[in-house]
Amino acid sequence: PGAEDIPSGFAAWPALYATDDGKQVLAQMFLFLVTAEIANRSADWLDVEPEFVGDYRNGALDFGWDKFDDATKMNPARVTSTGTLP
């Protein structure tokens, strides 16, 4: 509601920048992305080393997936993709 005049795709960027409300939306998007990058980066004070490029785990939340073997890790993916239980 209220965004019916904003086009889809890349044309939305200039349309958002044209209004004051749109500028606030762009500022919120920018601040969120900066905050997410800072919170999920590999920092020296976290004592957490990324295992691969793009590994944004910061040690704050661990579901214990590292303790499972490969067959157990693949079971949820198999269930969700096929909709069947073993």
PDB file of N, CA and C in Angstrom:
ATOM      1  N   PRO A   1       0.819  -1.187   0.000  1.00  0.00           N
ATOM      2  CA  PRO A   1       0.000   0.000   0.000  1.00  0.00           C
ATOM      3  C   PRO A   1       0.866   1.255   0.000  1.00  0.00           C
ATOM      4  N   GLY A   2       0.589   2.106  -0.925  1.00  0.00           N
ATOM      5  CA  GLY A   2       1.305   3.367  -1.007  1.00  0.00           C
ATOM      6  C   GLY A   2       2.488   3.347  -1.944  1.00  0.00           C
ATOM      7  N   ALA A   3       2.810   2.201  -2.527  1.00  0.00           N
ATOM      8  CA  ALA A   3       3.951   2.120  -3.432  1.00  0.00           C
ATOM      9  C   ALA A   3       3.521   1.678  -4.824  1.00  0.00           C
ATOM     10  N   GLU A   4       2.288   1.958  -5.178  1.00  0.00           N
ATOM     11  CA  GLU A   4       1.772   1.524  -6.471  1.00  0.00           C
ATOM     12  C   GLU A   4       2.441   2.243  -7.633  1.00  0.00           C
ATOM     13  N   ASP A   5       2.935   3.458  -7.399  1.00  0.00           N
ATOM     14  CA  ASP A   5       3.530   4.228  -8.483  1.00  0.00           C
ATOM     15  C   ASP A   5       5.019   3.942  -8.674  1.00  0.00           C
ATOM     16  N   ILE A   6       5.598   3.080  -7.865  1.00  0.00           N
ATOM     17  CA  ILE A   6       7.017   2.744  -7.995  1.00  0.00           C
ATOM     18  C   ILE A   6       7.149   1.561  -8.942  1.00  0.00           C
ATOM     19  N   PRO A   7       7.938   1.700  -9.990  1.00  0.00           N
ATOM     20  CA  PRO A   7       8.080   0.606 -10.968  1.00  0.00           C
ATOM     21  C   PRO A   7       8.890  -0.554 -10.386  1.00  0.00           C
ATOM     22  N   SER A   8       8.882  -1.654 -11.093  1.00  0.00           N
ATOM     23  CA  SER A   8       9.627  -2.818 -10.637  1.00  0.00           C
ATOM     24  C   SER A   8      11.019  -2.842 -11.259  1.00  0.00           C
ATOM     25  N   GLY A   9      11.870  -3.653 -10.695  1.00  0.00           N
ATOM     26  CA  GLY A   9      13.219  -3.822 -11.234  1.00  0.00           C
ATOM     27  C   GLY A   9      14.123  -2.648 -10.925  1.00  0.00           C
ATOM     28  N   PHE A  10      15.107  -2.458 -11.812  1.00  0.00           N
ATOM     29  CA  PHE A  10      16.093  -1.393 -11.600  1.00  0.00           C
ATOM     30  C   PHE A  10      15.484  -0.004 -11.735  1.00  0.00           C
ATOM     31  N   ALA A  11      14.343   0.108 -12.343  1.00  0.00           N
ATOM     32  CA  ALA A  11      13.685   1.412 -12.465  1.00  0.00           C
ATOM     33  C   ALA A  11      13.179   1.923 -11.116  1.00  0.00           C
ATOM     34  N   ALA A  12      13.155   1.074 -10.114  1.00  0.00           N
ATOM     35  CA  ALA A  12      12.697   1.492  -8.787  1.00  0.00           C
ATOM     36  C   ALA A  12      13.716   2.400  -8.092  1.00  0.00           C
ATOM     37  N   TRP A  13      15.008   2.236  -8.395  1.00  0.00           N
ATOM     38  CA  TRP A  13      16.023   3.046  -7.726  1.00  0.00           C
ATOM     39  C   TRP A  13      15.835   4.538  -7.972  1.00  0.00           C
ATOM     40  N   PRO A  14      15.747   4.991  -9.208  1.00  0.00           N
ATOM     41  CA  PRO A  14      15.534   6.438  -9.395  1.00  0.00           C
ATOM     42  C   PRO A  14      14.169   6.902  -8.891  1.00  0.00           C
ATOM     43  N   ALA A  15      13.176   6.028  -8.957  1.00  0.00           N
ATOM     44  CA  ALA A  15      11.851   6.411  -8.455  1.00  0.00           C
ATOM     45  C   ALA A  15      11.879   6.590  -6.941  1.00  0.00           C
ATOM     46  N   LEU A  16      12.614   5.743  -6.252  1.00  0.00           N
ATOM     47  CA  LEU A  16      12.740   5.912  -4.803  1.00  0.00           C
ATOM     48  C   LEU A  16      13.544   7.159  -4.461  1.00  0.00           C
ATOM     49  N   TYR A  17      14.584   7.408  -5.221  1.00  0.00           N
ATOM     50  CA  TYR A  17      15.428   8.571  -4.941  1.00  0.00           C
ATOM     51  C   TYR A  17      14.708   9.889  -5.217  1.00  0.00           C
ATOM     52  N   ALA A  18      13.631   9.869  -5.973  1.00  0.00           N
ATOM     53  CA  ALA A  18      12.926  11.095  -6.345  1.00  0.00           C
ATOM     54  C   ALA A  18      12.054  11.646  -5.222  1.00  0.00           C
ATOM     55  N   THR A  19      11.701  10.826  -4.242  1.00  0.00           N
ATOM     56  CA  THR A  19      10.820  11.289  -3.164  1.00  0.00           C
ATOM     57  C   THR A  19      11.556  11.253  -1.821  1.00  0.00           C
ATOM     58  N   ASP A  20      11.056  12.039  -0.868  1.00  0.00           N
ATOM     59  CA  ASP A  20      11.670  12.041   0.462  1.00  0.00           C
ATOM     60  C   ASP A  20      11.473  10.708   1.170  1.00  0.00           C
ATOM     61  N   ASP A  21      10.280  10.131   1.042  1.00  0.00           N
ATOM     62  CA  ASP A  21      10.040   8.824   1.650  1.00  0.00           C
ATOM     63  C   ASP A  21      10.923   7.757   1.014  1.00  0.00           C
ATOM     64  N   GLY A  22      11.111   7.852  -0.281  1.00  0.00           N
ATOM     65  CA  GLY A  22      11.973   6.899  -0.972  1.00  0.00           C
ATOM     66  C   GLY A  22      13.421   7.023  -0.536  1.00  0.00           C
ATOM     67  N   LYS A  23      13.873   8.249  -0.287  1.00  0.00           N
ATOM     68  CA  LYS A  23      15.236   8.448   0.215  1.00  0.00           C
ATOM     69  C   LYS A  23      15.404   7.828   1.595  1.00  0.00           C
ATOM     70  N   GLN A  24      14.369   7.899   2.417  1.00  0.00           N
ATOM     71  CA  GLN A  24      14.427   7.261   3.729  1.00  0.00           C
ATOM     72  C   GLN A  24      14.498   5.740   3.595  1.00  0.00           C
ATOM     73  N   VAL A  25      13.770   5.186   2.647  1.00  0.00           N
ATOM     74  CA  VAL A  25      13.818   3.747   2.399  1.00  0.00           C
ATOM     75  C   VAL A  25      15.212   3.339   1.956  1.00  0.00           C
ATOM     76  N   LEU A  26      15.808   4.082   1.044  1.00  0.00           N
ATOM     77  CA  LEU A  26      17.157   3.773   0.572  1.00  0.00           C
ATOM     78  C   LEU A  26      18.173   3.898   1.706  1.00  0.00           C
ATOM     79  N   ALA A  27      18.012   4.905   2.562  1.00  0.00           N
ATOM     80  CA  ALA A  27      18.920   5.061   3.700  1.00  0.00           C
ATOM     81  C   ALA A  27      18.784   3.890   4.668  1.00  0.00           C
ATOM     82  N   GLN A  28      17.556   3.433   4.917  1.00  0.00           N
ATOM     83  CA  GLN A  28      17.353   2.278   5.795  1.00  0.00           C
ATOM     84  C   GLN A  28      17.964   1.018   5.203  1.00  0.00           C
ATOM     85  N   MET A  29      17.812   0.835   3.892  1.00  0.00           N
ATOM     86  CA  MET A  29      18.416  -0.327   3.232  1.00  0.00           C
ATOM     87  C   MET A  29      19.935  -0.286   3.365  1.00  0.00           C
ATOM     88  N   PHE A  30      20.519   0.880   3.133  1.00  0.00           N
ATOM     89  CA  PHE A  30      21.966   1.028   3.219  1.00  0.00           C
ATOM     90  C   PHE A  30      22.457   0.757   4.642  1.00  0.00           C
ATOM     91  N   LEU A  31      21.797   1.332   5.633  1.00  0.00           N
ATOM     92  CA  LEU A  31      22.214   1.129   7.022  1.00  0.00           C
ATOM     93  C   LEU A  31      22.066  -0.330   7.453  1.00  0.00           C
ATOM     94  N   PHE A  32      21.014  -0.998   6.992  1.00  0.00           N
ATOM     95  CA  PHE A  32      20.852  -2.413   7.318  1.00  0.00           C
ATOM     96  C   PHE A  32      21.979  -3.249   6.717  1.00  0.00           C
ATOM     97  N   LEU A  33      22.301  -2.986   5.446  1.00  0.00           N
ATOM     98  CA  LEU A  33      23.362  -3.760   4.801  1.00  0.00           C
ATOM     99  C   LEU A  33      24.715  -3.514   5.462  1.00  0.00           C
ATOM    100  N   VAL A  34      24.997  -2.285   5.839  1.00  0.00           N
ATOM    101  CA  VAL A  34      26.252  -1.985   6.525  1.00  0.00           C
ATOM    102  C   VAL A  34      26.290  -2.681   7.881  1.00  0.00           C
ATOM    103  N   THR A  35      25.192  -2.638   8.620  1.00  0.00           N
ATOM    104  CA  THR A  35      25.133  -3.300   9.918  1.00  0.00           C
ATOM    105  C   THR A  35      25.288  -4.809   9.782  1.00  0.00           C
ATOM    106  N   ALA A  36      24.657  -5.404   8.781  1.00  0.00           N
ATOM    107  CA  ALA A  36      24.775  -6.842   8.574  1.00  0.00           C
ATOM    108  C   ALA A  36      26.199  -7.229   8.205  1.00  0.00           C
ATOM    109  N   GLU A  37      26.854  -6.431   7.389  1.00  0.00           N
ATOM    110  CA  GLU A  37      28.241  -6.718   7.021  1.00  0.00           C
ATOM    111  C   GLU A  37      29.158  -6.631   8.234  1.00  0.00           C
ATOM    112  N   ILE A  38      28.960  -5.622   9.065  1.00  0.00           N
ATOM    113  CA  ILE A  38      29.804  -5.468  10.250  1.00  0.00           C
ATOM    114  C   ILE A  38      29.569  -6.608  11.232  1.00  0.00           C
ATOM    115  N   ALA A  39      28.322  -6.991  11.421  1.00  0.00           N
ATOM    116  CA  ALA A  39      27.998  -8.034  12.392  1.00  0.00           C
ATOM    117  C   ALA A  39      28.450  -9.412  11.934  1.00  0.00           C
ATOM    118  N   ASN A  40      28.528  -9.653  10.642  1.00  0.00           N
ATOM    119  CA  ASN A  40      28.824 -10.994  10.143  1.00  0.00           C
ATOM    120  C   ASN A  40      30.203 -11.133   9.514  1.00  0.00           C
ATOM    121  N   ARG A  41      31.062 -10.184   9.676  1.00  0.00           N
ATOM    122  CA  ARG A  41      32.389 -10.283   9.082  1.00  0.00           C
ATOM    123  C   ARG A  41      33.318 -11.059  10.001  1.00  0.00           C
ATOM    124  N   SER A  42      34.403 -11.501   9.468  1.00  0.00           N
ATOM    125  CA  SER A  42      35.382 -12.207  10.294  1.00  0.00           C
ATOM    126  C   SER A  42      36.245 -11.163  10.992  1.00  0.00           C
ATOM    127  N   ALA A  43      36.049 -11.021  12.275  1.00  0.00           N
ATOM    128  CA  ALA A  43      36.763 -10.025  13.056  1.00  0.00           C
ATOM    129  C   ALA A  43      37.783 -10.720  13.956  1.00  0.00           C
ATOM    130  N   ASP A  44      38.880 -10.046  14.199  1.00  0.00           N
ATOM    131  CA  ASP A  44      39.924 -10.629  15.034  1.00  0.00           C
ATOM    132  C   ASP A  44      39.458 -10.862  16.459  1.00  0.00           C
ATOM    133  N   TRP A  45      38.568 -10.043  16.957  1.00  0.00           N
ATOM    134  CA  TRP A  45      38.134 -10.165  18.340  1.00  0.00           C
ATOM    135  C   TRP A  45      37.104 -11.267  18.545  1.00  0.00           C
ATOM    136  N   LEU A  46      36.621 -11.910  17.478  1.00  0.00           N
ATOM    137  CA  LEU A  46      35.640 -12.980  17.615  1.00  0.00           C
ATOM    138  C   LEU A  46      36.277 -14.349  17.816  1.00  0.00           C
ATOM    139  N   ASP A  47      37.535 -14.519  17.445  1.00  0.00           N
ATOM    140  CA  ASP A  47      38.211 -15.817  17.509  1.00  0.00           C
ATOM    141  C   ASP A  47      37.483 -16.874  16.697  1.00  0.00           C
ATOM    142  N   VAL A  48      36.849 -16.480  15.613  1.00  0.00           N
ATOM    143  CA  VAL A  48      36.169 -17.411  14.717  1.00  0.00           C
ATOM    144  C   VAL A  48      36.755 -17.218  13.322  1.00  0.00           C
ATOM    145  N   GLU A  49      37.331 -18.268  12.776  1.00  0.00           N
ATOM    146  CA  GLU A  49      37.897 -18.198  11.433  1.00  0.00           C
ATOM    147  C   GLU A  49      36.902 -18.769  10.437  1.00  0.00           C
ATOM    148  N   PRO A  50      36.652 -18.082   9.330  1.00  0.00           N
ATOM    149  CA  PRO A  50      35.753 -18.644   8.308  1.00  0.00           C
ATOM    150  C   PRO A  50      36.388 -19.863   7.654  1.00  0.00           C
ATOM    151  N   GLU A  51      35.561 -20.877   7.376  1.00  0.00           N
ATOM    152  CA  GLU A  51      36.062 -22.093   6.749  1.00  0.00           C
ATOM    153  C   GLU A  51      36.217 -21.926   5.241  1.00  0.00           C
ATOM    154  N   PHE A  52      35.491 -20.987   4.637  1.00  0.00           N
ATOM    155  CA  PHE A  52      35.535 -20.771   3.201  1.00  0.00           C
ATOM    156  C   PHE A  52      35.097 -19.342   2.923  1.00  0.00           C
ATOM    157  N   VAL A  53      35.361 -18.868   1.721  1.00  0.00           N
ATOM    158  CA  VAL A  53      34.949 -17.518   1.333  1.00  0.00           C
ATOM    159  C   VAL A  53      33.423 -17.466   1.324  1.00  0.00           C
ATOM    160  N   GLY A  54      32.863 -16.489   1.992  1.00  0.00           N
ATOM    161  CA  GLY A  54      31.416 -16.383   2.088  1.00  0.00           C
ATOM    162  C   GLY A  54      30.850 -17.041   3.323  1.00  0.00           C
ATOM    163  N   ASP A  55      31.697 -17.555   4.208  1.00  0.00           N
ATOM    164  CA  ASP A  55      31.248 -18.168   5.463  1.00  0.00           C
ATOM    165  C   ASP A  55      30.997 -17.044   6.462  1.00  0.00           C
ATOM    166  N   TYR A  56      29.733 -16.689   6.650  1.00  0.00           N
ATOM    167  CA  TYR A  56      29.387 -15.566   7.512  1.00  0.00           C
ATOM    168  C   TYR A  56      28.982 -15.991   8.917  1.00  0.00           C
ATOM    169  N   ARG A  57      29.242 -17.238   9.276  1.00  0.00           N
ATOM    170  CA  ARG A  57      28.929 -17.647  10.643  1.00  0.00           C
ATOM    171  C   ARG A  57      29.874 -16.934  11.599  1.00  0.00           C
ATOM    172  N   ASN A  58      29.333 -16.374  12.663  1.00  0.00           N
ATOM    173  CA  ASN A  58      30.158 -15.631  13.596  1.00  0.00           C
ATOM    174  C   ASN A  58      30.235 -16.294  14.969  1.00  0.00           C
ATOM    175  N   GLY A  59      29.757 -17.514  15.094  1.00  0.00           N
ATOM    176  CA  GLY A  59      29.851 -18.224  16.358  1.00  0.00           C
ATOM    177  C   GLY A  59      28.745 -17.885  17.343  1.00  0.00           C
ATOM    178  N   ALA A  60      27.851 -16.978  17.003  1.00  0.00           N
ATOM    179  CA  ALA A  60      26.797 -16.578  17.927  1.00  0.00           C
ATOM    180  C   ALA A  60      25.673 -17.607  17.997  1.00  0.00           C
ATOM    181  N   LEU A  61      25.470 -18.369  16.936  1.00  0.00           N
ATOM    182  CA  LEU A  61      24.376 -19.320  16.887  1.00  0.00           C
ATOM    183  C   LEU A  61      24.884 -20.616  16.272  1.00  0.00           C
ATOM    184  N   ASP A  62      24.788 -21.701  17.019  1.00  0.00           N
ATOM    185  CA  ASP A  62      25.305 -22.979  16.536  1.00  0.00           C
ATOM    186  C   ASP A  62      24.241 -24.040  16.764  1.00  0.00           C
ATOM    187  N   PHE A  63      23.760 -24.630  15.677  1.00  0.00           N
ATOM    188  CA  PHE A  63      22.764 -25.688  15.772  1.00  0.00           C
ATOM    189  C   PHE A  63      23.390 -27.066  15.853  1.00  0.00           C
ATOM    190  N   GLY A  64      24.721 -27.154  15.836  1.00  0.00           N
ATOM    191  CA  GLY A  64      25.400 -28.424  15.969  1.00  0.00           C
ATOM    192  C   GLY A  64      25.538 -29.202  14.680  1.00  0.00           C
ATOM    193  N   TRP A  65      25.421 -28.551  13.522  1.00  0.00           N
ATOM    194  CA  TRP A  65      25.515 -29.257  12.249  1.00  0.00           C
ATOM    195  C   TRP A  65      26.901 -29.828  12.018  1.00  0.00           C
ATOM    196  N   ASP A  66      27.922 -29.236  12.621  1.00  0.00           N
ATOM    197  CA  ASP A  66      29.282 -29.738  12.424  1.00  0.00           C
ATOM    198  C   ASP A  66      29.495 -31.105  13.052  1.00  0.00           C
ATOM    199  N   LYS A  67      28.646 -31.482  13.986  1.00  0.00           N
ATOM    200  CA  LYS A  67      28.798 -32.765  14.668  1.00  0.00           C
ATOM    201  C   LYS A  67      28.150 -33.916  13.904  1.00  0.00           C
ATOM    202  N   PHE A  68      27.337 -33.619  12.883  1.00  0.00           N
ATOM    203  CA  PHE A  68      26.653 -34.669  12.125  1.00  0.00           C
ATOM    204  C   PHE A  68      27.543 -35.199  11.011  1.00  0.00           C
ATOM    205  N   ASP A  69      27.304 -36.447  10.625  1.00  0.00           N
ATOM    206  CA  ASP A  69      28.007 -36.981   9.463  1.00  0.00           C
ATOM    207  C   ASP A  69      27.287 -36.526   8.189  1.00  0.00           C
ATOM    208  N   ASP A  70      27.875 -36.817   7.028  1.00  0.00           N
ATOM    209  CA  ASP A  70      27.328 -36.318   5.766  1.00  0.00           C
ATOM    210  C   ASP A  70      25.935 -36.855   5.469  1.00  0.00           C
ATOM    211  N   ALA A  71      25.654 -38.108   5.836  1.00  0.00           N
ATOM    212  CA  ALA A  71      24.331 -38.685   5.576  1.00  0.00           C
ATOM    213  C   ALA A  71      23.257 -37.973   6.387  1.00  0.00           C
ATOM    214  N   THR A  72      23.569 -37.628   7.623  1.00  0.00           N
ATOM    215  CA  THR A  72      22.594 -36.925   8.465  1.00  0.00           C
ATOM    216  C   THR A  72      22.381 -35.500   7.973  1.00  0.00           C
ATOM    217  N   LYS A  73      23.435 -34.857   7.482  1.00  0.00           N
ATOM    218  CA  LYS A  73      23.295 -33.493   6.977  1.00  0.00           C
ATOM    219  C   LYS A  73      22.428 -33.456   5.735  1.00  0.00           C
ATOM    220  N   MET A  74      22.511 -34.475   4.900  1.00  0.00           N
ATOM    221  CA  MET A  74      21.751 -34.490   3.661  1.00  0.00           C
ATOM    222  C   MET A  74      20.293 -34.889   3.860  1.00  0.00           C
ATOM    223  N   ASN A  75      19.954 -35.532   4.957  1.00  0.00           N
ATOM    224  CA  ASN A  75      18.590 -36.010   5.156  1.00  0.00           C
ATOM    225  C   ASN A  75      17.562 -34.873   5.146  1.00  0.00           C
ATOM    226  N   PRO A  76      17.748 -33.734   5.865  1.00  0.00           N
ATOM    227  CA  PRO A  76      16.749 -32.659   5.782  1.00  0.00           C
ATOM    228  C   PRO A  76      16.599 -32.097   4.371  1.00  0.00           C
ATOM    229  N   ALA A  77      17.699 -32.010   3.637  1.00  0.00           N
ATOM    230  CA  ALA A  77      17.607 -31.516   2.260  1.00  0.00           C
ATOM    231  C   ALA A  77      16.819 -32.490   1.401  1.00  0.00           C
ATOM    232  N   ARG A  78      17.021 -33.772   1.618  1.00  0.00           N
ATOM    233  CA  ARG A  78      16.297 -34.778   0.843  1.00  0.00           C
ATOM    234  C   ARG A  78      14.809 -34.731   1.175  1.00  0.00           C
ATOM    235  N   VAL A  79      14.494 -34.549   2.437  1.00  0.00           N
ATOM    236  CA  VAL A  79      13.080 -34.496   2.854  1.00  0.00           C
ATOM    237  C   VAL A  79      12.385 -33.278   2.255  1.00  0.00           C
ATOM    238  N   THR A  80      13.059 -32.138   2.291  1.00  0.00           N
ATOM    239  CA  THR A  80      12.411 -30.922   1.780  1.00  0.00           C
ATOM    240  C   THR A  80      12.298 -30.933   0.267  1.00  0.00           C
ATOM    241  N   SER A  81      13.267 -31.535  -0.427  1.00  0.00           N
ATOM    242  CA  SER A  81      13.209 -31.506  -1.887  1.00  0.00           C
ATOM    243  C   SER A  81      12.224 -32.537  -2.458  1.00  0.00           C
ATOM    244  N   THR A  82      12.074 -33.659  -1.761  1.00  0.00           N
ATOM    245  CA  THR A  82      11.189 -34.694  -2.292  1.00  0.00           C
ATOM    246  C   THR A  82       9.865 -34.785  -1.545  1.00  0.00           C
ATOM    247  N   GLY A  83       9.848 -34.274  -0.352  1.00  0.00           N
ATOM    248  CA  GLY A  83       8.614 -34.345   0.437  1.00  0.00           C
ATOM    249  C   GLY A  83       8.365 -35.724   1.024  1.00  0.00           C
ATOM    250  N   THR A  84       9.409 -36.540   1.100  1.00  0.00           N
ATOM    251  CA  THR A  84       9.254 -37.891   1.644  1.00  0.00           C
ATOM    252  C   THR A  84      10.174 -38.070   2.834  1.00  0.00           C
ATOM    253  N   LEU A  85       9.756 -38.875   3.742  1.00  0.00           N
ATOM    254  CA  LEU A  85      10.599 -39.230   4.894  1.00  0.00           C
ATOM    255  C   LEU A  85      11.218 -40.597   4.639  1.00  0.00           C
ATOM    256  N   PRO A  86      12.412 -40.844   5.164  1.00  0.00           N
ATOM    257  CA  PRO A  86      13.045 -42.147   4.947  1.00  0.00           C
ATOM    258  C   PRO A  86      12.311 -43.268   5.649  1.00  0.00           C
TER     259      PRO A  86
END
